[in-house]
Amino acid sequence: MNKVSPRKRGSILVFVLALIVLLSVLSLRLMKETAQELRHVSQFHKRDDLRTYAYSALDLTVGVLNEFRMILGKLDDRGLGWGDPLEYAGISPSDIAATGEEESLNSPITWSVRLLDESGKIPFHEIKEKDLVSLFAFMKAGGDSIVNDDDGEPLVDALADWQDKDDEERDEGAEDDYYEDLDPPYWTPGRKLENFDEFRMIKGFAYDPDDSENSGIFFDEIGNETGDLVNFKDSFSFFNEGGFNPDGASVFLLKFLAGDDEGAFEDLNESKNSGSQSDKKRYYDMVGELANKRGLKIDRSAKVFRLEINVNRGKSNFQLHAILLNEMSSGNRKPIRPKTGQKNLQKPRSARNQKIQYPFRILALRENENLID
């Protein structure tokens, strides 16, 4: 029987050890990737679990709003208590946890509701063209004391050409001939604007490297929203119809109403934030007078609400965005009817919805990504 030389035995031993090391490295790598995959899957599993809590927060908010509406007959000043529904209800996620559900001490569920009075914004399609010219000119001035209204004309012309059905280009506007030369090419829709993101497509509102000085008022060179668009979204709405509620008016909206009258703006701001009833009445009178000059109506009630709900557990997050319509007035169901030519925001109630009589109409609902606007 041939004996294996010590040198060969040493080589075999080295080979076996190298193989063990290789298998160990591969095993560790596989375990690491498996753990990452499990964590990835678990995040979506936990997100689905958080979905229940998000809709519970939605129902809780609707319940609080409905309670105030039944007691007061209407919803106007959020300072009365309905502005923070979770605080008013005094309910936490642990209070609605299912029986037997164990909440991790290291990562408890937390939630928050941001409730905004959408009816505190001016209906976008009720802004007069001359007011839009002044507003865009003010934005382009960038805080300068001297505002040239002519600077707002190109933006208003481009917006008008985007919405009208003809192909006749305004003096400083843009019709299909302009958009067909873009990459990729597209065409004007010939209908009223439906959301803020649509401004990305209209000449002058998004950044144009070939005309940097006269573009980018709403979106910068990398596509992010500018401060002007944030202010615009805080002050104008595609969901509110009719009058706007002065109690929900933003600072920028008050500045828009005051125009170039700095004294009027300061009076509005001070009287709005004052706790005095006489100052409040003065504020309403001033807003009504300034709004009337611009052909706008006042409605001191909250009709439309914007909800931003966030539910978290550890690194898992679930978001719910909703637009709610309060179609009840003084306790009686009263649909809000659109004017001639306006899009009806309301769809017929389903049989199930009619049966449960949900207190508010849901005009828009999005999960995890706000695509409402």
Protein backbone atom coordinates (compact mmCIF):
# COMPACT_ATOMS: atom_id res chain seq x y z
CA MET A 1 0.00 0.00 0.00
CA ASN A 2 1.41 3.31 -1.10
CA LYS A 3 1.78 5.94 1.60
CA VAL A 4 0.80 9.56 0.96
CA SER A 5 3.79 11.78 1.28
CA PRO A 6 3.72 14.49 3.95
CA ARG A 7 3.89 17.12 1.22
CA LYS A 8 0.71 15.80 -0.47
CA ARG A 9 -1.11 15.54 2.88
CA GLY A 10 -0.21 19.17 3.55
CA SER A 11 -1.53 20.25 0.14
CA ILE A 12 -4.82 18.40 0.72
CA LEU A 13 -5.17 20.01 4.14
CA VAL A 14 -4.57 23.49 2.70
CA PHE A 15 -7.14 22.80 -0.04
CA VAL A 16 -9.74 21.64 2.50
CA LEU A 17 -9.11 24.66 4.71
CA ALA A 18 -9.38 26.99 1.70
CA LEU A 19 -12.64 25.31 0.71
CA ILE A 20 -14.00 25.71 4.24
CA VAL A 21 -13.05 29.40 4.23
CA LEU A 22 -14.71 29.90 0.83
CA LEU A 23 -17.89 28.14 1.94
CA SER A 24 -17.91 30.20 5.13
CA VAL A 25 -17.63 33.45 3.17
CA LEU A 26 -20.39 32.37 0.79
CA SER A 27 -22.60 31.31 3.70
CA LEU A 28 -22.10 34.62 5.48
CA ARG A 29 -22.86 36.51 2.28
CA LEU A 30 -26.01 34.45 1.73
CA MET A 31 -27.12 34.99 5.32
CA LYS A 32 -26.54 38.74 5.00
CA GLU A 33 -28.54 38.98 1.77
CA THR A 34 -31.31 36.82 3.23
CA ALA A 35 -31.50 39.06 6.30
CA GLN A 36 -31.69 42.16 4.09
CA GLU A 37 -34.42 40.56 2.01
CA LEU A 38 -36.39 39.64 5.12
CA ARG A 39 -36.08 43.18 6.45
CA HIS A 40 -37.19 44.55 3.07
CA VAL A 41 -40.23 42.25 2.96
CA SER A 42 -41.07 42.93 6.60
CA GLN A 43 -41.14 46.68 5.95
CA PHE A 44 -43.92 46.20 3.40
CA HIS A 45 -45.68 43.77 5.73
CA LYS A 46 -45.56 46.32 8.54
CA ARG A 47 -46.67 49.03 6.12
CA ASP A 48 -49.75 47.00 5.26
CA ASP A 49 -50.34 46.60 8.98
CA LEU A 50 -50.07 50.38 9.45
CA ARG A 51 -52.64 50.92 6.72
CA THR A 52 -55.38 49.93 9.18
CA TYR A 53 -54.22 52.58 11.62
CA ALA A 54 -54.11 55.24 8.89
CA TYR A 55 -57.73 54.63 7.90
CA SER A 56 -58.68 54.51 11.57
CA ALA A 57 -57.14 57.98 11.96
CA LEU A 58 -59.14 59.11 8.92
CA ASP A 59 -62.40 57.83 10.45
CA LEU A 60 -61.47 59.37 13.79
CA THR A 61 -60.88 62.75 12.14
CA VAL A 62 -64.19 62.54 10.27
CA GLY A 63 -65.92 61.65 13.54
CA VAL A 64 -64.49 64.68 15.32
CA LEU A 65 -65.41 67.01 12.45
CA ASN A 66 -68.92 65.60 12.34
CA GLU A 67 -69.36 66.05 16.10
CA PHE A 68 -68.43 69.73 15.91
CA ARG A 69 -70.63 70.17 12.86
CA MET A 70 -73.64 68.66 14.63
CA ILE A 71 -73.10 70.83 17.71
CA LEU A 72 -72.19 74.13 16.04
CA GLY A 73 -74.19 73.73 12.83
CA LYS A 74 -71.13 74.60 10.78
CA LEU A 75 -67.34 74.52 10.87
CA ASP A 76 -65.51 77.80 10.68
CA ASP A 77 -62.78 78.71 13.18
CA ARG A 78 -60.38 75.78 13.71
CA GLY A 79 -59.39 77.34 17.03
CA LEU A 80 -62.64 75.99 18.50
CA GLY A 81 -61.05 72.53 18.72
CA TRP A 82 -61.63 70.64 15.50
CA GLY A 83 -58.29 71.78 14.07
CA ASP A 84 -56.45 69.06 16.06
CA PRO A 85 -58.76 66.01 15.94
CA LEU A 86 -56.34 63.55 17.58
CA GLU A 87 -55.75 65.86 20.53
CA TYR A 88 -59.48 66.43 20.93
CA ALA A 89 -60.32 62.71 20.71
CA GLY A 90 -57.54 61.72 23.12
CA ILE A 91 -57.09 58.35 21.40
CA SER A 92 -53.72 56.75 20.68
CA PRO A 93 -52.86 53.84 18.34
CA SER A 94 -52.56 51.49 21.34
CA ASP A 95 -56.20 52.24 22.21
CA ILE A 96 -57.41 50.71 18.94
CA ALA A 97 -54.92 47.82 18.74
CA ALA A 98 -56.56 44.48 18.03
CA THR A 99 -57.06 42.08 20.94
CA GLY A 100 -53.92 40.04 21.50
CA GLU A 101 -51.78 42.32 19.32
CA GLU A 102 -48.43 42.91 21.01
CA GLU A 103 -46.95 46.31 20.38
CA SER A 104 -43.15 46.33 20.45
CA LEU A 105 -41.77 48.44 23.28
CA ASN A 106 -38.82 49.37 21.09
CA SER A 107 -40.90 50.59 18.16
CA PRO A 108 -44.41 51.65 19.22
CA ILE A 109 -46.87 52.88 16.63
CA THR A 110 -47.20 56.66 16.37
CA TRP A 111 -49.55 58.67 14.21
CA SER A 112 -50.23 62.27 13.28
CA VAL A 113 -52.95 64.11 11.35
CA ARG A 114 -52.40 67.42 9.61
CA LEU A 115 -55.79 68.96 8.92
CA LEU A 116 -55.89 71.94 6.55
CA ASP A 117 -58.87 74.06 5.63
CA GLU A 118 -58.85 73.79 1.85
CA SER A 119 -61.82 76.16 1.68
CA GLY A 120 -59.55 78.87 3.11
CA LYS A 121 -58.06 79.05 -0.39
CA ILE A 122 -59.40 80.96 -3.38
CA PRO A 123 -60.86 78.77 -6.15
CA PHE A 124 -58.20 78.84 -8.86
CA HIS A 125 -60.55 79.24 -11.80
CA GLU A 126 -62.27 82.26 -10.23
CA ILE A 127 -59.13 84.43 -10.25
CA LYS A 128 -59.44 87.26 -12.74
CA GLU A 129 -56.80 87.45 -15.44
CA LYS A 130 -55.61 90.93 -14.40
CA ASP A 131 -55.09 89.67 -10.85
CA LEU A 132 -53.04 86.74 -12.13
CA VAL A 133 -50.88 89.17 -14.12
CA SER A 134 -50.17 91.21 -10.99
CA LEU A 135 -49.55 88.08 -8.90
CA PHE A 136 -47.05 86.54 -11.33
CA ALA A 137 -45.33 89.90 -11.74
CA PHE A 138 -44.98 90.15 -7.96
CA MET A 139 -43.43 86.67 -7.87
CA LYS A 140 -40.98 87.50 -10.64
CA ALA A 141 -39.95 90.67 -8.83
CA GLY A 142 -38.56 88.42 -6.10
CA GLY A 143 -39.25 90.80 -3.23
CA ASP A 144 -38.13 93.97 -5.00
CA SER A 145 -40.09 97.09 -4.11
CA ILE A 146 -40.61 97.86 -7.81
CA VAL A 147 -43.02 95.47 -9.55
CA ASN A 148 -43.55 95.67 -13.30
CA ASP A 149 -46.94 94.18 -14.18
CA ASP A 150 -45.73 93.56 -17.73
CA ASP A 151 -43.54 90.76 -16.34
CA GLY A 152 -46.64 88.72 -15.56
CA GLU A 153 -48.16 88.94 -19.04
CA PRO A 154 -46.09 86.14 -20.68
CA LEU A 155 -47.09 83.64 -17.98
CA VAL A 156 -50.78 84.53 -18.18
CA ASP A 157 -50.69 84.37 -21.99
CA ALA A 158 -49.02 80.94 -21.89
CA LEU A 159 -51.58 79.71 -19.35
CA ALA A 160 -54.48 81.03 -21.44
CA ASP A 161 -53.15 79.38 -24.62
CA TRP A 162 -52.73 76.11 -22.70
CA GLN A 163 -56.39 76.14 -21.67
CA ASP A 164 -58.21 77.57 -24.70
CA LYS A 165 -59.40 75.35 -27.53
CA ASP A 166 -58.19 77.48 -30.42
CA ASP A 167 -54.72 77.49 -31.98
CA GLU A 168 -54.39 81.28 -32.07
CA GLU A 169 -51.31 82.23 -30.12
CA ARG A 170 -51.42 85.21 -27.78
CA ASP A 171 -48.76 87.93 -27.95
CA GLU A 172 -46.43 86.19 -25.50
CA GLY A 173 -48.13 82.82 -25.21
CA ALA A 174 -47.48 79.39 -26.72
CA GLU A 175 -49.64 77.04 -28.75
CA ASP A 176 -49.00 73.59 -30.23
CA ASP A 177 -46.30 74.91 -32.60
CA TYR A 178 -44.11 75.71 -29.59
CA TYR A 179 -44.67 72.46 -27.69
CA GLU A 180 -44.23 70.26 -30.77
CA ASP A 181 -40.59 71.38 -30.99
CA LEU A 182 -39.80 70.23 -27.44
CA ASP A 183 -38.19 66.91 -26.55
CA PRO A 184 -40.42 65.01 -26.06
CA PRO A 185 -43.10 66.87 -28.00
CA TYR A 186 -46.65 67.30 -26.67
CA TRP A 187 -49.73 69.42 -27.29
CA THR A 188 -51.96 71.80 -25.36
CA PRO A 189 -55.01 70.04 -23.82
CA GLY A 190 -57.52 72.80 -24.62
CA ARG A 191 -59.24 72.55 -21.23
CA LYS A 192 -59.01 74.18 -17.81
CA LEU A 193 -56.02 73.39 -15.64
CA GLU A 194 -56.73 70.48 -13.27
CA ASN A 195 -53.76 70.36 -10.88
CA PHE A 196 -50.62 72.24 -9.88
CA ASP A 197 -48.23 69.68 -11.33
CA GLU A 198 -49.61 70.48 -14.79
CA PHE A 199 -47.74 73.80 -14.59
CA ARG A 200 -44.57 71.79 -15.32
CA MET A 201 -45.72 71.50 -18.91
CA ILE A 202 -46.57 75.16 -19.50
CA LYS A 203 -44.05 77.59 -20.96
CA GLY A 204 -42.36 79.78 -18.36
CA PHE A 205 -43.45 77.94 -15.25
CA ALA A 206 -40.81 75.19 -15.46
CA TYR A 207 -37.12 75.98 -15.85
CA ASP A 208 -35.93 76.40 -19.43
CA PRO A 209 -32.11 76.44 -19.83
CA ASP A 210 -32.52 78.30 -23.13
CA ASP A 211 -34.47 81.10 -21.43
CA SER A 212 -33.39 80.98 -17.78
CA GLU A 213 -34.32 84.61 -17.03
CA ASN A 214 -37.96 84.21 -18.09
CA SER A 215 -38.69 80.72 -16.78
CA GLY A 216 -38.63 78.60 -13.65
CA ILE A 217 -41.13 80.56 -11.59
CA PHE A 218 -42.72 77.36 -10.19
CA PHE A 219 -40.04 74.68 -10.80
CA ASP A 220 -36.26 75.08 -10.63
CA GLU A 221 -33.57 73.58 -12.88
CA ILE A 222 -33.73 70.17 -11.16
CA GLY A 223 -37.53 70.04 -11.12
CA ASN A 224 -38.12 70.94 -7.46
CA GLU A 225 -40.98 73.22 -6.45
CA THR A 226 -39.99 76.82 -5.83
CA GLY A 227 -41.11 78.91 -2.87
CA ASP A 228 -43.50 80.75 -5.20
CA LEU A 229 -45.33 77.51 -6.03
CA VAL A 230 -45.51 76.55 -2.35
CA ASN A 231 -47.12 79.92 -1.57
CA PHE A 232 -49.42 79.57 -4.58
CA LYS A 233 -50.60 76.11 -3.46
CA ASP A 234 -51.21 77.44 0.06
CA SER A 235 -53.48 80.16 -1.30
CA PHE A 236 -55.38 78.72 -4.29
CA SER A 237 -57.31 75.48 -4.74
CA PHE A 238 -58.68 73.24 -7.47
CA PHE A 239 -61.16 71.67 -5.01
CA ASN A 240 -62.81 74.63 -3.32
CA GLU A 241 -65.74 76.21 -5.12
CA GLY A 242 -67.66 79.40 -4.41
CA GLY A 243 -66.46 81.58 -1.56
CA PHE A 244 -63.35 81.13 0.57
CA ASN A 245 -63.15 81.03 4.36
CA PRO A 246 -61.11 83.97 5.79
CA ASP A 247 -60.23 81.92 8.89
CA GLY A 248 -58.11 79.58 6.76
CA ALA A 249 -56.43 82.26 4.65
CA SER A 250 -52.63 82.03 4.38
CA VAL A 251 -50.26 84.96 4.86
CA PHE A 252 -49.54 84.94 1.13
CA LEU A 253 -53.26 85.04 0.35
CA LEU A 254 -53.67 88.11 2.57
CA LYS A 255 -50.76 89.71 0.75
CA PHE A 256 -52.47 88.92 -2.57
CA LEU A 257 -55.72 90.55 -1.38
CA ALA A 258 -53.91 93.64 -0.10
CA GLY A 259 -51.94 94.05 -3.33
CA ASP A 260 -49.37 96.83 -3.10
CA ASP A 261 -51.01 98.33 0.01
CA GLU A 262 -48.53 97.35 2.73
CA GLY A 263 -50.61 99.04 5.42
CA ALA A 264 -53.68 96.97 4.54
CA PHE A 265 -51.62 93.78 4.67
CA GLU A 266 -50.26 94.61 8.12
CA ASP A 267 -53.76 95.41 9.38
CA LEU A 268 -55.06 92.12 8.00
CA ASN A 269 -52.26 90.11 9.59
CA GLU A 270 -52.57 91.78 12.98
CA SER A 271 -56.36 91.63 13.21
CA LYS A 272 -56.44 87.99 12.05
CA ASN A 273 -54.07 86.88 14.82
CA SER A 274 -55.68 89.02 17.51
CA GLY A 275 -57.84 87.36 20.14
CA SER A 276 -60.16 90.35 20.31
CA GLN A 277 -63.66 89.90 18.91
CA SER A 278 -63.68 93.48 17.65
CA ASP A 279 -60.42 92.84 15.77
CA LYS A 280 -61.87 89.63 14.34
CA LYS A 281 -64.90 91.51 13.04
CA ARG A 282 -62.61 94.15 11.58
CA TYR A 283 -60.60 91.41 9.89
CA TYR A 284 -63.69 89.87 8.29
CA ASP A 285 -64.88 93.29 7.11
CA MET A 286 -61.49 94.10 5.59
CA VAL A 287 -61.19 90.74 3.84
CA GLY A 288 -64.73 91.06 2.50
CA GLU A 289 -64.05 94.54 1.12
CA LEU A 290 -60.74 93.55 -0.52
CA ALA A 291 -62.21 90.31 -1.91
CA ASN A 292 -65.19 92.19 -3.36
CA LYS A 293 -62.82 94.47 -5.29
CA ARG A 294 -61.37 91.35 -6.95
CA GLY A 295 -64.76 89.81 -7.64
CA LEU A 296 -64.31 87.08 -5.01
CA LYS A 297 -66.83 85.78 -2.51
CA ILE A 298 -66.50 85.08 1.22
CA ASP A 299 -67.98 82.01 2.92
CA ARG A 300 -67.21 81.81 6.64
CA SER A 301 -67.42 78.06 6.86
CA ALA A 302 -64.98 75.22 6.23
CA LYS A 303 -66.37 73.20 3.32
CA VAL A 304 -63.33 71.33 2.05
CA PHE A 305 -60.56 69.73 4.12
CA ARG A 306 -57.13 68.42 3.20
CA LEU A 307 -55.80 65.60 5.40
CA GLU A 308 -52.22 64.38 5.65
CA ILE A 309 -52.01 61.29 7.87
CA ASN A 310 -48.70 59.70 8.88
CA VAL A 311 -48.39 56.40 10.77
CA ASN A 312 -44.98 55.11 11.87
CA ARG A 313 -43.51 52.04 13.53
CA GLY A 314 -39.74 51.95 13.57
CA LYS A 315 -38.58 52.58 10.03
CA SER A 316 -41.94 51.64 8.53
CA ASN A 317 -44.15 54.50 7.41
CA PHE A 318 -47.60 54.75 5.87
CA GLN A 319 -49.06 57.98 4.50
CA LEU A 320 -52.63 58.77 3.60
CA HIS A 321 -53.67 61.92 1.74
CA ALA A 322 -57.34 62.84 1.40
CA ILE A 323 -59.61 65.68 0.33
CA LEU A 324 -62.95 65.75 2.17
CA LEU A 325 -66.04 67.72 1.18
CA ASN A 326 -68.46 68.92 3.85
CA GLU A 327 -71.71 68.84 1.90
CA MET A 328 -73.94 69.43 4.92
CA SER A 329 -75.07 72.94 5.80
CA SER A 330 -76.64 73.63 9.22
CA GLY A 331 -77.34 69.95 9.69
CA ASN A 332 -79.14 69.46 6.36
CA ARG A 333 -77.58 67.62 3.48
CA LYS A 334 -77.03 70.14 0.72
CA PRO A 335 -74.86 69.26 -2.29
CA ILE A 336 -72.55 71.98 -3.55
CA ARG A 337 -73.47 72.49 -7.19
CA PRO A 338 -70.84 73.66 -9.67
CA LYS A 339 -71.38 76.67 -11.87
CA THR A 340 -72.07 76.29 -15.57
CA GLY A 341 -68.96 75.05 -17.34
CA GLN A 342 -67.22 73.92 -14.14
CA LYS A 343 -66.35 70.31 -13.46
CA ASN A 344 -68.65 68.64 -10.93
CA LEU A 345 -66.48 67.40 -8.08
CA GLN A 346 -69.18 65.07 -6.85
CA LYS A 347 -69.95 61.63 -8.20
CA PRO A 348 -73.16 59.76 -7.40
CA ARG A 349 -73.00 57.91 -4.10
CA SER A 350 -72.76 54.14 -4.34
CA ALA A 351 -75.50 51.97 -2.82
CA ARG A 352 -73.17 50.99 0.03
CA ASN A 353 -72.23 54.62 0.67
CA GLN A 354 -75.88 55.65 0.71
CA LYS A 355 -76.53 52.94 3.26
CA ILE A 356 -73.80 53.92 5.72
CA GLN A 357 -74.22 57.67 5.04
CA TYR A 358 -70.56 58.56 5.56
CA PRO A 359 -70.59 62.13 6.96
CA PHE A 360 -68.18 63.62 4.40
CA ARG A 361 -67.60 63.07 0.70
CA ILE A 362 -64.11 61.91 -0.26
CA LEU A 363 -63.05 63.86 -3.34
CA ALA A 364 -59.55 62.42 -3.56
CA LEU A 365 -57.60 59.70 -1.75
CA ARG A 366 -53.96 58.68 -2.19
CA GLU A 367 -51.72 56.26 -0.28
CA ASN A 368 -48.00 56.76 0.43
CA GLU A 369 -47.51 59.38 -2.26
CA ASN A 370 -49.38 62.64 -2.60
CA LEU A 371 -50.53 62.69 -6.22
CA ILE A 372 -53.65 64.76 -5.47
CA ASP A 373 -52.09 67.97 -6.79
